[in-house]
Amino acid sequence: DGYITYSSRIGLPGEEFEMWFRGPSDVLRPRGADAFLIVCLTTAMERGLPLVVEAPVSPRLLAATRSMVQDIFHCWYPELEKVSISAEPRSAGSIPNAGGAASFFSGGVDSSFTAYKHLDELSMLLLVQGFDLPLQKTALRAKVAERLTKAADAIGKPLIEIETNCRELTDRFVSWPDQQFGAALAAVAVLLGEDVRRVFIPASLSLAHLEPVG
């Protein structure tokens, strides 16, 4: 139907959970298990469980999550333990020099500012259903999507809707605003095809009031 659903079986002691992302097949072009490694990392750290990934992942991502990313989160939140990550790195390949850009868009002040600031280079705006609004609230989600589509049309950019159930797992173990939402945004970003070279995450706190945040 023009959409792709990208899913993974997440195994925890005594249970399994099927996590998925869904979006237009001409926009979501996933490679390997990058998105699932990213989105599950803080849950593994909170549980103190090793991460075993049964699909290839980006070598750059693997190196970063084994050290720097875990160092930062453990420094901010000592209850998040550093864990081992077992995965096969895939061929690095080449990074395209050209390509458009995308930005997450909720219609608020921060995301609107980011959209206007980078208007000339943006090829799309991203609305992720299942982040701010639960998937079960179908009527409210449809109303929000309708309004944001009009806002995107007004600035001449397509609004791409992506759905995910990742919070149904991670909310059980880690705080969405403090420890998780940044990873979830990054997971969506790595699912985009090579036509998208850069992804902007709108700011929240100002430079004068920075603090550890997800």
N, C-alpha and C. Protein backbone atom coordinates (compact mmCIF):
# COMPACT_ATOMS: atom_id res chain seq x y z
N ASP A 1 0.82 -1.22 0.00
CA ASP A 1 0.00 0.00 0.00
C ASP A 1 0.86 1.27 0.00
N GLY A 2 2.11 1.14 -0.42
CA GLY A 2 3.00 2.29 -0.44
C GLY A 2 3.71 2.56 0.87
N TYR A 3 3.50 1.68 1.87
CA TYR A 3 4.14 1.84 3.17
C TYR A 3 5.00 0.61 3.48
N ILE A 4 5.98 0.82 4.34
CA ILE A 4 6.82 -0.28 4.80
C ILE A 4 6.78 -0.31 6.32
N THR A 5 6.71 -1.51 6.87
CA THR A 5 6.82 -1.70 8.32
C THR A 5 8.12 -2.44 8.60
N TYR A 6 8.94 -1.85 9.43
CA TYR A 6 10.26 -2.36 9.75
C TYR A 6 10.24 -2.79 11.21
N SER A 7 10.40 -4.07 11.48
CA SER A 7 10.19 -4.56 12.85
C SER A 7 11.36 -5.42 13.32
N SER A 8 11.41 -5.58 14.65
CA SER A 8 12.45 -6.40 15.26
C SER A 8 11.88 -7.07 16.51
N ARG A 9 12.31 -8.27 16.76
CA ARG A 9 11.95 -9.00 17.96
C ARG A 9 12.93 -8.64 19.07
N ILE A 10 12.43 -8.00 20.12
CA ILE A 10 13.27 -7.57 21.23
C ILE A 10 13.10 -8.58 22.36
N GLY A 11 14.18 -9.26 22.73
CA GLY A 11 14.11 -10.27 23.78
C GLY A 11 14.58 -9.72 25.11
N LEU A 12 13.74 -9.87 26.12
CA LEU A 12 14.07 -9.54 27.50
C LEU A 12 13.91 -10.80 28.33
N PRO A 13 14.50 -10.88 29.51
CA PRO A 13 14.32 -12.08 30.33
C PRO A 13 12.84 -12.40 30.54
N GLY A 14 12.42 -13.55 30.04
CA GLY A 14 11.05 -14.00 30.26
C GLY A 14 10.01 -13.45 29.31
N GLU A 15 10.39 -12.62 28.34
CA GLU A 15 9.40 -12.07 27.43
C GLU A 15 10.05 -11.62 26.11
N GLU A 16 9.20 -11.43 25.10
CA GLU A 16 9.62 -10.86 23.83
C GLU A 16 8.65 -9.74 23.47
N PHE A 17 9.17 -8.74 22.77
CA PHE A 17 8.36 -7.60 22.34
C PHE A 17 8.69 -7.32 20.88
N GLU A 18 7.66 -7.14 20.06
CA GLU A 18 7.89 -6.78 18.65
C GLU A 18 7.80 -5.27 18.50
N MET A 19 8.92 -4.66 18.23
CA MET A 19 8.99 -3.21 18.03
C MET A 19 8.96 -2.92 16.54
N TRP A 20 8.26 -1.87 16.14
CA TRP A 20 8.16 -1.57 14.72
C TRP A 20 8.12 -0.07 14.44
N PHE A 21 8.51 0.25 13.22
CA PHE A 21 8.39 1.60 12.66
C PHE A 21 7.69 1.45 11.31
N ARG A 22 6.80 2.37 10.98
CA ARG A 22 6.05 2.28 9.74
C ARG A 22 6.02 3.66 9.07
N GLY A 23 6.22 3.67 7.75
CA GLY A 23 6.18 4.93 7.02
C GLY A 23 6.19 4.69 5.53
N PRO A 24 6.17 5.75 4.74
CA PRO A 24 6.18 5.61 3.28
C PRO A 24 7.42 4.86 2.81
N SER A 25 7.22 3.93 1.88
CA SER A 25 8.33 3.09 1.43
C SER A 25 9.36 3.87 0.62
N ASP A 26 9.00 5.05 0.11
CA ASP A 26 9.99 5.86 -0.62
C ASP A 26 10.77 6.78 0.32
N VAL A 27 10.43 6.75 1.62
CA VAL A 27 11.15 7.57 2.60
C VAL A 27 11.93 6.69 3.57
N LEU A 28 11.28 5.65 4.11
CA LEU A 28 11.98 4.73 5.01
C LEU A 28 12.73 3.69 4.19
N ARG A 29 14.04 3.70 4.29
CA ARG A 29 14.88 2.73 3.58
C ARG A 29 15.94 2.22 4.55
N PRO A 30 15.50 1.42 5.52
CA PRO A 30 16.42 1.01 6.59
C PRO A 30 17.51 0.06 6.12
N ARG A 31 18.63 0.13 6.84
CA ARG A 31 19.74 -0.79 6.61
C ARG A 31 20.15 -1.36 7.96
N GLY A 32 20.16 -2.68 8.06
CA GLY A 32 20.60 -3.30 9.30
C GLY A 32 19.70 -2.98 10.48
N ALA A 33 20.26 -3.08 11.67
CA ALA A 33 19.48 -2.94 12.90
C ALA A 33 19.79 -1.65 13.65
N ASP A 34 20.29 -0.65 12.96
CA ASP A 34 20.73 0.58 13.61
C ASP A 34 19.66 1.18 14.52
N ALA A 35 18.43 1.32 14.00
CA ALA A 35 17.37 2.00 14.74
C ALA A 35 17.06 1.28 16.05
N PHE A 36 17.07 -0.05 16.02
CA PHE A 36 16.70 -0.81 17.20
C PHE A 36 17.81 -0.81 18.24
N LEU A 37 19.06 -0.79 17.81
CA LEU A 37 20.17 -0.64 18.74
C LEU A 37 20.06 0.69 19.47
N ILE A 38 19.80 1.75 18.72
CA ILE A 38 19.72 3.09 19.31
C ILE A 38 18.59 3.17 20.32
N VAL A 39 17.40 2.73 19.94
CA VAL A 39 16.23 2.95 20.77
C VAL A 39 16.22 2.04 22.01
N CYS A 40 16.92 0.91 21.95
CA CYS A 40 16.92 -0.03 23.08
C CYS A 40 18.10 0.17 24.04
N LEU A 41 19.03 1.04 23.72
CA LEU A 41 20.25 1.14 24.51
C LEU A 41 19.98 1.53 25.96
N THR A 42 19.18 2.58 26.19
CA THR A 42 18.99 3.01 27.57
C THR A 42 18.19 1.99 28.38
N THR A 43 17.29 1.26 27.74
CA THR A 43 16.57 0.19 28.45
C THR A 43 17.54 -0.89 28.89
N ALA A 44 18.47 -1.28 28.01
CA ALA A 44 19.48 -2.27 28.38
C ALA A 44 20.33 -1.76 29.54
N MET A 45 20.69 -0.48 29.51
CA MET A 45 21.51 0.09 30.58
C MET A 45 20.73 0.12 31.90
N GLU A 46 19.45 0.45 31.84
CA GLU A 46 18.65 0.49 33.07
C GLU A 46 18.48 -0.90 33.67
N ARG A 47 18.33 -1.90 32.81
CA ARG A 47 18.18 -3.28 33.27
C ARG A 47 19.53 -3.93 33.60
N GLY A 48 20.64 -3.33 33.15
CA GLY A 48 21.96 -3.94 33.33
C GLY A 48 22.14 -5.18 32.48
N LEU A 49 21.55 -5.18 31.28
CA LEU A 49 21.58 -6.34 30.40
C LEU A 49 22.47 -6.10 29.20
N PRO A 50 23.26 -7.11 28.78
CA PRO A 50 24.04 -6.96 27.55
C PRO A 50 23.11 -6.87 26.35
N LEU A 51 23.54 -6.11 25.35
CA LEU A 51 22.78 -5.99 24.11
C LEU A 51 23.41 -6.92 23.07
N VAL A 52 22.62 -7.85 22.56
CA VAL A 52 23.07 -8.75 21.50
C VAL A 52 22.22 -8.46 20.27
N VAL A 53 22.85 -8.01 19.21
CA VAL A 53 22.13 -7.60 18.00
C VAL A 53 22.38 -8.63 16.91
N GLU A 54 21.32 -9.23 16.41
CA GLU A 54 21.45 -10.33 15.45
C GLU A 54 21.30 -9.86 14.01
N ALA A 55 21.71 -8.64 13.75
CA ALA A 55 21.72 -8.10 12.38
C ALA A 55 22.84 -7.08 12.32
N PRO A 56 23.41 -6.85 11.14
CA PRO A 56 24.54 -5.91 11.03
C PRO A 56 24.14 -4.49 11.43
N VAL A 57 25.11 -3.74 11.95
CA VAL A 57 24.88 -2.34 12.30
C VAL A 57 26.05 -1.50 11.78
N SER A 58 25.83 -0.22 11.73
CA SER A 58 26.85 0.72 11.29
C SER A 58 28.08 0.62 12.19
N PRO A 59 29.28 0.52 11.64
CA PRO A 59 30.47 0.47 12.49
C PRO A 59 30.68 1.75 13.30
N ARG A 60 30.33 2.90 12.73
CA ARG A 60 30.45 4.16 13.48
C ARG A 60 29.49 4.18 14.66
N LEU A 61 28.26 3.72 14.42
CA LEU A 61 27.27 3.66 15.49
C LEU A 61 27.71 2.68 16.58
N LEU A 62 28.24 1.54 16.17
CA LEU A 62 28.66 0.53 17.13
C LEU A 62 29.77 1.07 18.03
N ALA A 63 30.74 1.76 17.44
CA ALA A 63 31.83 2.32 18.23
C ALA A 63 31.32 3.39 19.20
N ALA A 64 30.40 4.23 18.74
CA ALA A 64 29.90 5.33 19.58
C ALA A 64 29.07 4.81 20.74
N THR A 65 28.22 3.81 20.49
CA THR A 65 27.35 3.32 21.55
C THR A 65 28.10 2.45 22.55
N ARG A 66 29.20 1.87 22.13
CA ARG A 66 30.00 1.06 23.08
C ARG A 66 30.74 1.94 24.07
N SER A 67 31.01 3.19 23.72
CA SER A 67 31.82 4.01 24.61
C SER A 67 31.18 5.36 24.88
N MET A 68 31.30 6.31 23.96
CA MET A 68 30.94 7.70 24.23
C MET A 68 29.50 7.87 24.68
N VAL A 69 28.55 7.28 23.96
CA VAL A 69 27.14 7.49 24.29
C VAL A 69 26.83 6.94 25.69
N GLN A 70 27.33 5.76 26.00
CA GLN A 70 27.09 5.19 27.32
C GLN A 70 27.81 6.00 28.41
N ASP A 71 28.99 6.51 28.11
CA ASP A 71 29.69 7.33 29.09
C ASP A 71 28.86 8.55 29.47
N ILE A 72 28.25 9.20 28.47
CA ILE A 72 27.46 10.40 28.72
C ILE A 72 26.24 10.06 29.58
N PHE A 73 25.50 9.02 29.19
CA PHE A 73 24.28 8.69 29.92
C PHE A 73 24.58 8.21 31.34
N HIS A 74 25.68 7.47 31.51
CA HIS A 74 26.04 7.01 32.85
C HIS A 74 26.47 8.18 33.72
N CYS A 75 27.13 9.17 33.12
CA CYS A 75 27.53 10.36 33.87
C CYS A 75 26.30 11.15 34.31
N TRP A 76 25.34 11.31 33.41
CA TRP A 76 24.11 12.05 33.74
C TRP A 76 23.23 11.28 34.71
N TYR A 77 23.13 9.97 34.50
CA TYR A 77 22.22 9.12 35.28
C TYR A 77 22.99 7.88 35.73
N PRO A 78 23.64 7.92 36.90
CA PRO A 78 24.47 6.80 37.35
C PRO A 78 23.73 5.48 37.45
N GLU A 79 22.40 5.52 37.57
CA GLU A 79 21.63 4.28 37.63
C GLU A 79 21.63 3.53 36.30
N LEU A 80 22.00 4.20 35.21
CA LEU A 80 22.13 3.54 33.92
C LEU A 80 23.53 2.95 33.82
N GLU A 81 23.62 1.63 33.93
CA GLU A 81 24.91 0.95 33.91
C GLU A 81 25.45 0.82 32.48
N LYS A 82 26.76 0.86 32.35
CA LYS A 82 27.36 0.58 31.04
C LYS A 82 27.28 -0.93 30.78
N VAL A 83 26.90 -1.28 29.55
CA VAL A 83 26.69 -2.68 29.20
C VAL A 83 27.49 -3.03 27.94
N SER A 84 27.69 -4.32 27.73
CA SER A 84 28.38 -4.76 26.52
C SER A 84 27.40 -4.81 25.35
N ILE A 85 27.92 -4.58 24.15
CA ILE A 85 27.12 -4.65 22.93
C ILE A 85 27.81 -5.62 21.97
N SER A 86 27.08 -6.67 21.59
CA SER A 86 27.60 -7.65 20.62
C SER A 86 26.85 -7.48 19.31
N ALA A 87 27.57 -7.17 18.25
CA ALA A 87 26.94 -6.98 16.94
C ALA A 87 28.02 -7.07 15.87
N GLU A 88 27.61 -7.44 14.67
CA GLU A 88 28.52 -7.47 13.54
C GLU A 88 28.45 -6.14 12.79
N PRO A 89 29.58 -5.46 12.63
CA PRO A 89 29.54 -4.22 11.85
C PRO A 89 29.37 -4.54 10.37
N ARG A 90 28.53 -3.81 9.70
CA ARG A 90 28.36 -4.00 8.26
C ARG A 90 29.39 -3.16 7.52
N SER A 91 29.50 -3.37 6.24
CA SER A 91 30.41 -2.59 5.41
C SER A 91 30.06 -1.12 5.53
N ALA A 92 31.06 -0.29 5.77
CA ALA A 92 30.81 1.13 6.01
C ALA A 92 30.20 1.81 4.80
N GLY A 93 30.63 1.44 3.59
CA GLY A 93 30.09 2.06 2.39
C GLY A 93 30.53 3.51 2.29
N SER A 94 29.95 4.22 1.36
CA SER A 94 30.30 5.63 1.14
C SER A 94 29.15 6.51 1.62
N ILE A 95 29.50 7.68 2.10
CA ILE A 95 28.50 8.65 2.53
C ILE A 95 28.26 9.62 1.39
N PRO A 96 27.01 9.75 0.93
CA PRO A 96 26.74 10.63 -0.20
C PRO A 96 27.06 12.08 0.12
N ASN A 97 27.60 12.77 -0.88
CA ASN A 97 27.93 14.18 -0.70
C ASN A 97 26.69 15.07 -0.85
N ALA A 98 25.73 14.60 -1.64
CA ALA A 98 24.52 15.38 -1.88
C ALA A 98 23.37 14.79 -1.08
N GLY A 99 22.22 15.39 -1.20
CA GLY A 99 21.04 14.89 -0.50
C GLY A 99 20.36 15.99 0.26
N GLY A 100 19.07 15.82 0.48
CA GLY A 100 18.30 16.84 1.17
C GLY A 100 18.40 16.73 2.67
N ALA A 101 17.55 17.47 3.34
CA ALA A 101 17.53 17.48 4.80
C ALA A 101 16.08 17.36 5.26
N ALA A 102 15.92 16.87 6.48
CA ALA A 102 14.62 16.75 7.10
C ALA A 102 14.68 17.36 8.49
N SER A 103 13.51 17.71 9.03
CA SER A 103 13.45 18.23 10.38
C SER A 103 12.19 17.70 11.05
N PHE A 104 12.31 17.33 12.31
CA PHE A 104 11.14 16.92 13.07
C PHE A 104 10.24 18.13 13.29
N PHE A 105 8.92 17.90 13.21
CA PHE A 105 7.98 19.02 13.21
C PHE A 105 6.75 18.68 14.03
N SER A 106 6.57 19.41 15.15
CA SER A 106 5.40 19.21 16.00
C SER A 106 4.45 20.39 15.94
N GLY A 107 4.84 21.45 15.22
CA GLY A 107 4.00 22.63 15.11
C GLY A 107 4.23 23.65 16.19
N GLY A 108 5.09 23.35 17.16
CA GLY A 108 5.37 24.28 18.24
C GLY A 108 6.38 25.34 17.84
N VAL A 109 6.72 26.20 18.81
CA VAL A 109 7.63 27.31 18.53
C VAL A 109 9.00 26.79 18.08
N ASP A 110 9.56 25.81 18.80
CA ASP A 110 10.91 25.35 18.50
C ASP A 110 10.99 24.71 17.13
N SER A 111 10.05 23.82 16.80
CA SER A 111 10.13 23.12 15.51
C SER A 111 9.80 24.07 14.36
N SER A 112 8.92 25.06 14.60
CA SER A 112 8.61 26.03 13.55
C SER A 112 9.82 26.92 13.27
N PHE A 113 10.51 27.33 14.33
CA PHE A 113 11.72 28.14 14.15
C PHE A 113 12.77 27.37 13.34
N THR A 114 12.98 26.09 13.69
CA THR A 114 13.97 25.28 12.98
C THR A 114 13.58 25.12 11.52
N ALA A 115 12.30 24.91 11.24
CA ALA A 115 11.84 24.75 9.86
C ALA A 115 12.11 26.02 9.04
N TYR A 116 11.81 27.18 9.61
CA TYR A 116 12.03 28.43 8.88
C TYR A 116 13.52 28.73 8.73
N LYS A 117 14.29 28.41 9.76
CA LYS A 117 15.74 28.69 9.70
C LYS A 117 16.41 27.91 8.58
N HIS A 118 15.96 26.66 8.34
CA HIS A 118 16.61 25.80 7.36
C HIS A 118 15.70 25.54 6.15
N LEU A 119 14.79 26.45 5.90
CA LEU A 119 13.75 26.24 4.89
C LEU A 119 14.33 25.90 3.53
N ASP A 120 15.39 26.58 3.12
CA ASP A 120 15.93 26.39 1.77
C ASP A 120 16.51 25.00 1.55
N GLU A 121 17.02 24.36 2.60
CA GLU A 121 17.63 23.04 2.42
C GLU A 121 16.73 21.88 2.79
N LEU A 122 15.61 22.14 3.44
CA LEU A 122 14.73 21.06 3.85
C LEU A 122 13.98 20.46 2.67
N SER A 123 13.94 19.13 2.64
CA SER A 123 13.15 18.44 1.64
C SER A 123 11.87 17.86 2.24
N MET A 124 11.80 17.76 3.57
CA MET A 124 10.59 17.23 4.21
C MET A 124 10.58 17.58 5.69
N LEU A 125 9.37 17.54 6.27
CA LEU A 125 9.17 17.66 7.70
C LEU A 125 8.65 16.33 8.22
N LEU A 126 9.03 15.96 9.44
CA LEU A 126 8.71 14.64 9.98
C LEU A 126 7.79 14.76 11.19
N LEU A 127 6.68 14.05 11.13
CA LEU A 127 5.78 13.91 12.27
C LEU A 127 5.77 12.44 12.67
N VAL A 128 6.16 12.15 13.91
CA VAL A 128 6.21 10.76 14.37
C VAL A 128 5.03 10.49 15.31
N GLN A 129 4.13 9.65 14.84
CA GLN A 129 2.98 9.26 15.65
C GLN A 129 3.41 8.13 16.59
N GLY A 130 3.07 8.29 17.87
CA GLY A 130 3.52 7.33 18.88
C GLY A 130 4.57 7.93 19.79
N PHE A 131 5.00 9.16 19.51
CA PHE A 131 5.92 9.86 20.39
C PHE A 131 5.14 10.73 21.38
N ASP A 132 4.69 11.90 20.93
CA ASP A 132 3.95 12.79 21.82
C ASP A 132 2.52 12.30 22.06
N LEU A 133 1.94 11.67 21.05
CA LEU A 133 0.56 11.17 21.16
C LEU A 133 0.55 9.66 21.06
N PRO A 134 -0.11 8.97 22.00
CA PRO A 134 -0.20 7.50 21.93
C PRO A 134 -0.92 7.06 20.67
N LEU A 135 -0.52 5.91 20.14
CA LEU A 135 -1.12 5.39 18.92
C LEU A 135 -2.62 5.15 19.09
N GLN A 136 -3.06 4.85 20.31
CA GLN A 136 -4.47 4.53 20.54
C GLN A 136 -5.39 5.74 20.36
N LYS A 137 -4.84 6.95 20.45
CA LYS A 137 -5.67 8.15 20.30
C LYS A 137 -5.80 8.52 18.82
N THR A 138 -6.49 7.68 18.07
CA THR A 138 -6.54 7.82 16.61
C THR A 138 -7.22 9.12 16.17
N ALA A 139 -8.31 9.50 16.80
CA ALA A 139 -9.02 10.71 16.39
C ALA A 139 -8.16 11.96 16.62
N LEU A 140 -7.52 12.03 17.78
CA LEU A 140 -6.67 13.18 18.09
C LEU A 140 -5.46 13.21 17.15
N ARG A 141 -4.87 12.04 16.88
CA ARG A 141 -3.73 11.99 15.98
C ARG A 141 -4.11 12.47 14.58
N ALA A 142 -5.28 12.09 14.11
CA ALA A 142 -5.73 12.52 12.78
C ALA A 142 -5.93 14.03 12.74
N LYS A 143 -6.49 14.59 13.82
CA LYS A 143 -6.72 16.03 13.88
C LYS A 143 -5.40 16.79 13.87
N VAL A 144 -4.44 16.32 14.68
CA VAL A 144 -3.13 16.96 14.72
C VAL A 144 -2.44 16.86 13.36
N ALA A 145 -2.47 15.69 12.74
CA ALA A 145 -1.83 15.51 11.43
C ALA A 145 -2.44 16.43 10.39
N GLU A 146 -3.76 16.62 10.44
CA GLU A 146 -4.42 17.50 9.48
C GLU A 146 -3.94 18.94 9.63
N ARG A 147 -3.84 19.39 10.87
CA ARG A 147 -3.40 20.77 11.11
C ARG A 147 -1.94 20.97 10.74
N LEU A 148 -1.11 19.99 11.07
CA LEU A 148 0.31 20.13 10.76
C LEU A 148 0.56 20.02 9.26
N THR A 149 -0.25 19.24 8.56
CA THR A 149 -0.14 19.17 7.09
C THR A 149 -0.43 20.53 6.48
N LYS A 150 -1.44 21.22 6.98
CA LYS A 150 -1.75 22.56 6.49
C LYS A 150 -0.60 23.52 6.77
N ALA A 151 -0.02 23.41 7.97
CA ALA A 151 1.12 24.27 8.31
C ALA A 151 2.30 24.00 7.41
N ALA A 152 2.55 22.72 7.13
CA ALA A 152 3.67 22.36 6.24
C ALA A 152 3.40 22.83 4.82
N ASP A 153 2.16 22.68 4.37
CA ASP A 153 1.81 23.15 3.02
C ASP A 153 2.03 24.65 2.89
N ALA A 154 1.77 25.38 3.97
CA ALA A 154 1.90 26.83 3.94
C ALA A 154 3.34 27.27 3.73
N ILE A 155 4.31 26.43 4.14
CA ILE A 155 5.71 26.79 3.90
C ILE A 155 6.31 25.96 2.77
N GLY A 156 5.47 25.20 2.07
CA GLY A 156 5.90 24.51 0.86
C GLY A 156 6.72 23.26 1.06
N LYS A 157 6.52 22.57 2.21
CA LYS A 157 7.27 21.35 2.48
C LYS A 157 6.31 20.20 2.76
N PRO A 158 6.60 18.99 2.27
CA PRO A 158 5.73 17.86 2.58
C PRO A 158 5.91 17.40 4.02
N LEU A 159 4.80 17.01 4.64
CA LEU A 159 4.85 16.45 5.99
C LEU A 159 4.78 14.93 5.87
N ILE A 160 5.80 14.26 6.36
CA ILE A 160 5.88 12.81 6.30
C ILE A 160 5.49 12.23 7.66
N GLU A 161 4.49 11.37 7.67
CA GLU A 161 4.06 10.73 8.92
C GLU A 161 4.73 9.37 9.08
N ILE A 162 5.28 9.14 10.24
CA ILE A 162 5.89 7.87 10.61
C ILE A 162 5.26 7.41 11.91
N GLU A 163 4.99 6.12 12.03
CA GLU A 163 4.40 5.57 13.25
C GLU A 163 5.37 4.58 13.90
N THR A 164 5.32 4.49 15.21
CA THR A 164 6.14 3.52 15.93
C THR A 164 5.49 3.17 17.27
N ASN A 165 5.73 1.95 17.71
CA ASN A 165 5.25 1.52 19.03
C ASN A 165 6.38 1.44 20.04
N CYS A 166 7.52 2.08 19.78
CA CYS A 166 8.71 1.88 20.63
C CYS A 166 8.47 2.29 22.07
N ARG A 167 7.63 3.29 22.32
CA ARG A 167 7.41 3.74 23.69
C ARG A 167 6.69 2.69 24.53
N GLU A 168 5.95 1.80 23.89
CA GLU A 168 5.25 0.77 24.64
C GLU A 168 6.23 -0.14 25.40
N LEU A 169 7.45 -0.23 24.89
CA LEU A 169 8.49 -0.98 25.61
C LEU A 169 9.31 -0.06 26.51
N THR A 170 9.87 1.00 25.95
CA THR A 170 10.86 1.79 26.70
C THR A 170 10.26 2.54 27.87
N ASP A 171 8.99 2.95 27.80
CA ASP A 171 8.37 3.68 28.90
C ASP A 171 8.28 2.84 30.18
N ARG A 172 8.38 1.54 30.05
CA ARG A 172 8.33 0.67 31.22
C ARG A 172 9.62 0.74 32.03
N PHE A 173 10.70 1.23 31.44
CA PHE A 173 12.01 1.14 32.10
C PHE A 173 12.72 2.47 32.26
N VAL A 174 12.53 3.39 31.32
CA VAL A 174 13.27 4.66 31.36
C VAL A 174 12.32 5.83 31.15
N SER A 175 12.76 7.00 31.59
CA SER A 175 11.96 8.22 31.47
C SER A 175 12.04 8.77 30.06
N TRP A 176 10.89 8.97 29.43
CA TRP A 176 10.87 9.53 28.07
C TRP A 176 11.52 10.92 28.02
N PRO A 177 11.13 11.90 28.86
CA PRO A 177 11.74 13.22 28.73
C PRO A 177 13.18 13.29 29.21
N ASP A 178 13.56 12.47 30.18
CA ASP A 178 14.91 12.58 30.74
C ASP A 178 15.94 11.71 30.02
N GLN A 179 15.54 10.53 29.55
CA GLN A 179 16.53 9.55 29.10
C GLN A 179 16.29 8.97 27.70
N GLN A 180 15.14 9.20 27.09
CA GLN A 180 14.82 8.39 25.93
C GLN A 180 14.48 9.12 24.64
N PHE A 181 13.87 10.30 24.69
CA PHE A 181 13.29 10.83 23.45
C PHE A 181 14.34 11.14 22.39
N GLY A 182 15.54 11.54 22.82
CA GLY A 182 16.58 11.82 21.83
C GLY A 182 16.99 10.59 21.06
N ALA A 183 17.08 9.45 21.77
CA ALA A 183 17.40 8.19 21.09
C ALA A 183 16.31 7.81 20.11
N ALA A 184 15.04 8.02 20.50
CA ALA A 184 13.94 7.69 19.61
C ALA A 184 13.96 8.54 18.34
N LEU A 185 14.27 9.83 18.49
CA LEU A 185 14.39 10.70 17.32
C LEU A 185 15.54 10.24 16.42
N ALA A 186 16.67 9.92 17.03
CA ALA A 186 17.82 9.46 16.26
C ALA A 186 17.51 8.15 15.53
N ALA A 187 16.73 7.27 16.17
CA ALA A 187 16.36 6.01 15.53
C ALA A 187 15.57 6.26 14.26
N VAL A 188 14.62 7.20 14.32
CA VAL A 188 13.86 7.54 13.11
C VAL A 188 14.78 8.11 12.04
N ALA A 189 15.72 8.96 12.45
CA ALA A 189 16.62 9.59 11.49
C ALA A 189 17.42 8.57 10.69
N VAL A 190 17.90 7.51 11.36
CA VAL A 190 18.73 6.54 10.63
C VAL A 190 17.90 5.61 9.75
N LEU A 191 16.58 5.67 9.88
CA LEU A 191 15.71 4.87 9.00
C LEU A 191 15.49 5.54 7.65
N LEU A 192 15.83 6.81 7.55
CA LEU A 192 15.58 7.54 6.30
C LEU A 192 16.61 7.14 5.25
N GLY A 193 16.18 7.19 4.00
CA GLY A 193 17.06 6.80 2.91
C GLY A 193 18.17 7.80 2.65
N GLU A 194 19.04 7.46 1.71
CA GLU A 194 20.20 8.29 1.44
C GLU A 194 19.84 9.61 0.76
N ASP A 195 18.57 9.77 0.34
CA ASP A 195 18.14 11.05 -0.20
C ASP A 195 18.16 12.13 0.89
N VAL A 196 18.15 11.69 2.15
CA VAL A 196 18.21 12.63 3.28
C VAL A 196 19.60 12.56 3.89
N ARG A 197 20.33 13.65 3.78
CA ARG A 197 21.72 13.69 4.24
C ARG A 197 21.84 14.22 5.66
N ARG A 198 20.90 15.10 6.06
CA ARG A 198 20.96 15.71 7.39
C ARG A 198 19.56 15.69 7.99
N VAL A 199 19.50 15.55 9.33
CA VAL A 199 18.23 15.60 10.04
C VAL A 199 18.39 16.56 11.22
N PHE A 200 17.49 17.53 11.30
CA PHE A 200 17.54 18.52 12.38
C PHE A 200 16.59 18.12 13.50
N ILE A 201 17.07 18.22 14.74
CA ILE A 201 16.24 18.04 15.92
C ILE A 201 16.07 19.41 16.56
N PRO A 202 14.86 19.96 16.56
CA PRO A 202 14.66 21.29 17.15
C PRO A 202 15.07 21.32 18.62
N ALA A 203 15.52 22.48 19.06
CA ALA A 203 15.98 22.65 20.44
C ALA A 203 14.79 22.69 21.39
N SER A 204 15.10 22.58 22.67
CA SER A 204 14.08 22.80 23.69
C SER A 204 14.59 23.85 24.68
N LEU A 205 15.58 23.49 25.48
CA LEU A 205 16.14 24.44 26.44
C LEU A 205 17.09 25.42 25.74
N SER A 206 17.20 26.61 26.29
CA SER A 206 18.11 27.59 25.72
C SER A 206 19.54 27.32 26.20
N LEU A 207 20.50 27.96 25.54
CA LEU A 207 21.91 27.78 25.87
C LEU A 207 22.21 28.18 27.32
N ALA A 208 21.46 29.14 27.82
CA ALA A 208 21.70 29.63 29.19
C ALA A 208 21.12 28.71 30.25
N HIS A 209 20.33 27.74 29.85
CA HIS A 209 19.67 26.86 30.82
C HIS A 209 19.81 25.39 30.46
N LEU A 210 20.98 24.99 29.99
CA LEU A 210 21.18 23.62 29.60
C LEU A 210 21.23 22.70 30.82
N GLU A 211 20.70 21.51 30.66
CA GLU A 211 20.76 20.49 31.71
C GLU A 211 20.66 19.13 31.01
N PRO A 212 21.06 18.06 31.70
CA PRO A 212 20.93 16.73 31.10
C PRO A 212 19.48 16.47 30.71
N VAL A 213 19.28 16.08 29.46
CA VAL A 213 17.93 15.82 28.97
C VAL A 213 18.03 14.83 27.82
N GLY A 214 17.00 14.00 27.69
CA GLY A 214 17.04 12.82 26.82
C GLY A 214 17.56 12.98 25.42
